[in-house]
Protein backbone atom coordinates (compact mmCIF):
# COMPACT_ATOMS: atom_id res chain seq x y z
CA MET A 1 -23.72 29.98 15.51
CA THR A 2 -20.67 27.78 15.87
CA ALA A 3 -17.58 29.09 14.02
CA PRO A 4 -16.37 26.77 11.22
CA ALA A 5 -13.25 24.73 11.98
CA LEU A 6 -11.50 26.48 9.04
CA GLU A 7 -12.52 29.63 7.20
CA LEU A 8 -10.92 31.42 4.30
CA GLU A 9 -12.11 34.85 3.27
CA GLY A 10 -10.93 36.62 0.09
CA VAL A 11 -7.55 34.91 0.32
CA THR A 12 -4.97 35.86 -2.36
CA LYS A 13 -1.40 35.08 -2.88
CA SER A 14 1.00 36.62 -5.31
CA PHE A 15 4.63 35.89 -6.11
CA GLY A 16 5.87 39.10 -7.60
CA ARG A 17 3.34 40.09 -10.32
CA ILE A 18 1.96 36.48 -10.63
CA GLU A 19 -1.23 35.93 -8.68
CA ILE A 20 -1.49 32.32 -7.76
CA ILE A 21 -4.47 32.31 -5.45
CA ARG A 22 -7.25 34.68 -6.47
CA GLY A 23 -9.81 35.48 -3.78
CA VAL A 24 -10.60 32.10 -2.22
CA ASP A 25 -13.57 31.94 0.03
CA LEU A 26 -14.17 28.64 1.91
CA ARG A 27 -15.89 27.41 5.07
CA ILE A 28 -15.19 23.96 6.40
CA ALA A 29 -17.33 22.71 9.29
CA ALA A 30 -15.94 20.96 12.35
CA GLY A 31 -15.91 17.16 11.80
CA GLU A 32 -16.21 17.55 7.98
CA ARG A 33 -14.07 15.58 5.55
CA HIS A 34 -13.25 18.03 2.76
CA ALA A 35 -11.33 17.49 -0.45
CA ILE A 36 -9.65 20.09 -2.55
CA ILE A 37 -9.21 18.98 -6.22
CA GLY A 38 -8.08 20.64 -9.37
CA PRO A 39 -5.60 20.31 -12.23
CA ASN A 40 -1.76 20.56 -11.82
CA GLY A 41 -0.85 24.11 -11.25
CA ALA A 42 -4.14 25.12 -9.84
CA GLY A 43 -2.61 26.34 -6.58
CA LYS A 44 -3.66 23.49 -4.26
CA SER A 45 -0.29 23.11 -2.53
CA THR A 46 0.10 26.87 -2.32
CA LEU A 47 -3.32 27.04 -0.55
CA PHE A 48 -2.17 24.42 1.92
CA ASN A 49 1.00 26.37 2.56
CA LEU A 50 -1.00 29.56 3.20
CA ILE A 51 -3.32 27.83 5.62
CA THR A 52 -0.43 26.23 7.52
CA GLY A 53 1.72 29.33 7.73
CA ARG A 54 4.52 28.33 5.35
CA PHE A 55 3.62 31.20 3.07
CA ASP A 56 2.24 34.60 4.07
CA ILE A 57 -1.04 35.51 2.41
CA THR A 58 -1.06 38.65 0.26
CA SER A 59 -4.54 39.64 1.30
CA GLY A 60 -7.59 38.17 2.99
CA ARG A 61 -8.14 36.17 6.24
CA ILE A 62 -7.71 32.66 7.37
CA ARG A 63 -9.35 31.57 10.61
CA LEU A 64 -8.94 28.39 12.62
CA HIS A 65 -11.96 28.01 15.03
CA GLY A 66 -12.45 31.68 14.65
CA ALA A 67 -8.95 32.70 15.48
CA ASP A 68 -7.04 34.69 12.86
CA LEU A 69 -3.92 32.95 11.53
CA ARG A 70 -2.30 35.80 9.77
CA GLY A 71 1.19 36.37 10.95
CA LYS A 72 1.35 33.05 12.82
CA ALA A 73 4.34 30.75 12.34
CA PRO A 74 3.78 27.12 11.36
CA TYR A 75 4.63 25.76 14.83
CA GLN A 76 2.15 28.34 16.41
CA ILE A 77 -0.69 27.18 14.05
CA ASN A 78 0.22 23.52 14.92
CA ARG A 79 -0.14 24.32 18.62
CA MET A 80 -3.50 25.95 17.89
CA GLY A 81 -4.85 22.55 16.70
CA LEU A 82 -3.91 22.20 13.09
CA SER A 83 -1.48 19.57 11.74
CA ARG A 84 -0.53 18.56 8.26
CA SER A 85 1.36 16.06 6.11
CA PHE A 86 3.33 16.73 2.96
CA GLN A 87 3.45 15.34 -0.57
CA ILE A 88 6.98 13.88 0.04
CA THR A 89 7.13 11.52 3.01
CA ASN A 90 8.64 13.34 6.00
CA ILE A 91 9.88 10.87 8.64
CA PHE A 92 13.09 10.05 10.49
CA ALA A 93 14.35 7.08 8.37
CA LYS A 94 17.16 6.13 10.77
CA MET A 95 14.85 6.02 13.82
CA THR A 96 12.40 3.16 14.64
CA VAL A 97 8.68 3.50 14.02
CA PHE A 98 8.16 3.80 17.77
CA GLU A 99 10.86 6.52 18.14
CA ASN A 100 9.21 8.57 15.34
CA ILE A 101 5.88 8.65 17.08
CA ARG A 102 7.46 9.26 20.49
CA CYS A 103 9.31 12.34 19.14
CA ALA A 104 6.00 13.65 17.78
CA LEU A 105 4.53 13.37 21.22
CA LEU A 106 7.25 15.30 23.09
CA TRP A 107 5.97 18.79 22.82
CA PRO A 108 2.27 17.99 23.12
CA GLN A 109 2.95 16.15 26.40
CA GLY A 110 4.84 19.05 27.72
CA TYR A 111 8.41 17.77 27.28
CA GLY A 112 10.77 20.55 26.23
CA TYR A 113 14.49 20.41 25.92
CA SER A 114 15.99 18.63 28.92
CA PHE A 115 19.29 16.86 29.53
CA TRP A 116 18.07 15.14 32.73
CA ASN A 117 14.72 13.70 31.72
CA LEU A 118 15.35 10.52 29.63
CA VAL A 119 12.38 9.86 27.28
CA HIS A 120 12.42 6.10 27.87
CA ASN A 121 11.68 6.92 31.53
CA GLN A 122 8.48 8.65 30.73
CA PRO A 123 5.58 6.16 30.77
CA SER A 124 3.10 8.61 29.33
CA LEU A 125 5.22 8.94 26.20
CA THR A 126 5.48 5.17 25.81
CA GLU A 127 1.74 4.66 26.35
CA GLY A 128 0.84 7.39 23.95
CA ALA A 129 3.12 6.11 21.32
CA GLU A 130 1.76 2.52 21.65
CA GLU A 131 -1.82 3.78 21.29
CA ILE A 132 -0.98 5.63 18.05
CA LEU A 133 0.89 2.69 16.67
CA GLU A 134 -2.24 0.54 17.26
CA GLN A 135 -4.40 3.18 15.49
CA ILE A 136 -2.23 3.23 12.42
CA ASN A 137 -1.76 -0.55 12.32
CA LEU A 138 1.98 -0.50 12.87
CA THR A 139 2.33 -2.19 16.22
CA GLY A 140 4.04 -5.15 14.59
CA ARG A 141 6.57 -2.82 13.02
CA ARG A 142 7.31 -0.98 16.18
CA ASP A 143 11.06 -1.66 16.32
CA THR A 144 11.64 -1.42 12.63
CA MET A 145 13.71 1.39 11.21
CA ALA A 146 11.37 3.75 9.51
CA GLY A 147 13.34 3.80 6.33
CA LEU A 148 12.81 0.06 5.88
CA LEU A 149 9.10 0.30 5.87
CA SER A 150 7.03 -0.09 2.66
CA TYR A 151 5.94 3.15 0.96
CA ALA A 152 2.37 2.74 2.32
CA GLU A 153 3.65 1.97 5.80
CA GLN A 154 5.81 5.19 5.72
CA ARG A 155 2.71 7.16 4.71
CA ALA A 156 0.79 5.52 7.54
CA LEU A 157 3.58 6.50 9.89
CA GLU A 158 3.52 10.06 8.63
CA ILE A 159 -0.24 10.13 9.41
CA GLY A 160 0.52 8.85 12.84
CA ILE A 161 3.00 11.68 13.36
CA THR A 162 0.52 14.12 12.11
CA ILE A 163 -2.20 13.12 14.64
CA ALA A 164 0.18 12.63 17.53
CA GLY A 165 -0.17 16.28 18.62
CA GLY A 166 -3.87 15.86 19.14
CA ALA A 167 -4.82 18.40 16.50
CA ASP A 168 -8.48 18.47 15.61
CA VAL A 169 -7.93 19.77 12.06
CA ILE A 170 -5.78 17.42 9.84
CA MET A 171 -4.54 18.42 6.48
CA LEU A 172 -3.17 15.71 4.10
CA ASP A 173 -1.46 16.53 0.88
CA GLU A 174 -1.85 13.76 -1.70
CA PRO A 175 -1.81 10.94 0.89
CA THR A 176 -2.18 8.18 -1.72
CA ALA A 177 0.09 9.49 -4.45
CA GLY A 178 2.19 6.78 -6.15
CA MET A 179 0.36 3.81 -4.43
CA SER A 180 -1.21 0.66 -5.82
CA HIS A 181 -4.93 -0.05 -5.45
CA SER A 182 -4.36 -2.25 -2.45
CA GLU A 183 -2.04 0.38 -0.78
CA THR A 184 -4.64 3.13 -1.56
CA ASP A 185 -7.39 1.08 0.06
CA TYR A 186 -5.23 0.54 3.12
CA ILE A 187 -4.38 4.33 3.52
CA VAL A 188 -8.03 5.41 2.84
CA ASP A 189 -9.33 3.02 5.56
CA LEU A 190 -6.62 4.38 7.87
CA ILE A 191 -7.58 7.95 7.18
CA ARG A 192 -11.26 7.22 7.92
CA LYS A 193 -10.28 5.72 11.24
CA VAL A 194 -7.80 8.31 12.54
CA THR A 195 -9.84 11.31 11.50
CA GLU A 196 -13.12 10.12 13.20
CA GLY A 197 -14.29 13.07 15.11
CA ARG A 198 -11.73 15.40 13.51
CA THR A 199 -11.89 17.83 10.64
CA LEU A 200 -10.06 16.58 7.56
CA VAL A 201 -8.86 18.69 4.58
CA VAL A 202 -7.28 16.67 1.84
CA VAL A 203 -5.64 17.40 -1.53
CA GLU A 204 -6.01 14.33 -3.75
CA HIS A 205 -5.79 13.45 -7.46
CA ASP A 206 -7.34 9.97 -7.15
CA MET A 207 -11.00 10.62 -7.85
CA GLY A 208 -12.05 7.24 -6.38
CA VAL A 209 -10.38 8.31 -3.12
CA VAL A 210 -12.02 11.80 -3.26
CA PHE A 211 -15.63 10.60 -4.00
CA GLY A 212 -15.32 7.75 -1.43
CA LEU A 213 -13.94 9.82 1.36
CA ALA A 214 -15.09 13.46 1.18
CA ASP A 215 -18.33 14.89 2.65
CA ARG A 216 -17.83 17.93 0.45
CA ILE A 217 -15.45 18.80 -2.39
CA SER A 218 -14.04 22.21 -3.53
CA VAL A 219 -12.67 22.49 -7.12
CA LEU A 220 -9.74 24.85 -7.45
CA VAL A 221 -8.86 26.05 -11.05
CA TYR A 222 -6.33 28.67 -11.70
CA GLY A 223 -6.26 29.83 -8.15
CA GLU A 224 -10.06 30.12 -7.83
CA ILE A 225 -12.61 27.87 -6.34
CA ILE A 226 -15.23 27.29 -9.00
CA ALA A 227 -17.43 24.90 -7.00
CA THR A 228 -18.01 23.63 -3.49
CA ASP A 229 -20.66 20.95 -2.89
CA VAL A 230 -21.32 17.39 -1.99
CA PRO A 231 -19.66 14.87 -4.23
CA GLU A 232 -22.57 13.97 -6.47
CA GLU A 233 -23.35 17.65 -7.18
CA VAL A 234 -19.68 18.46 -8.00
CA ARG A 235 -19.72 15.40 -10.35
CA ARG A 236 -22.72 16.64 -12.20
CA SER A 237 -21.56 20.29 -12.51
CA PRO A 238 -21.15 21.31 -16.16
CA ARG A 239 -18.58 23.91 -15.14
CA VAL A 240 -16.52 21.42 -13.23
CA GLN A 241 -16.72 18.90 -16.00
CA GLU A 242 -15.56 21.41 -18.50
CA ALA A 243 -12.79 22.79 -16.33
CA TYR A 244 -11.40 19.64 -14.77
CA LEU A 245 -13.38 16.69 -13.70
CA GLY A 246 -14.18 15.14 -17.12
CA THR A 247 -10.52 14.86 -17.89
CA ALA A 248 -9.65 13.56 -14.44
CA LEU A 249 -12.40 10.86 -14.53
CA GLU A 250 -11.24 9.81 -18.02
CA ALA A 251 -7.67 9.42 -16.57
CA GLU A 252 -8.97 6.98 -13.99
CA HIS A 253 -10.02 4.50 -16.75
């Protein structure tokens, strides 16, 4: 049996006496697009931080393609094939779009710290960056300072940086937060394209995005997953309706 791309087993996280994550079990198959939803304060960002090594788990196990992640630093987890974005856009505002992507490619292409290898003399870096710019629809903004991009374009650039390392598990934290409908449609189409053949884990509050993008959905409430299923089954679940989804869907209208 093939190991899931990502597996959480009895994961808990406490800050002092306060338990934020309470025994989460979750299996996400390779190639699956999986959404994690829940009310504010449910622990979604904490769970992301546990998976990506920013926080240490209190108990339980997290595995990436069967490999235990406990005790691994974020950069080690990234090099094992998992990459993430953040709620707040995280780019180099005073560098061009092209330079942002090229920086993200340095380590994956084997370029460490070196004073005698100039990056603009490395054709593989240039070619790789151009390919990613095409994927994220920013070729026309190649030489624009990243800080001058529109909000949606900055999020697209961050997604490009996220996939630049070649990770096969991509985690996106509220990728459409604060966007208009047209910007949201643009980013959702982009996410579909760049995660083709990859595993996607996404935290998102926009239920239209969630139900249009996810193969399966997990509902996190007060640090516990109360349901994991295909979108329509989650939508119909009385427990989910009572705990979260009814209120969330009403907020969409």
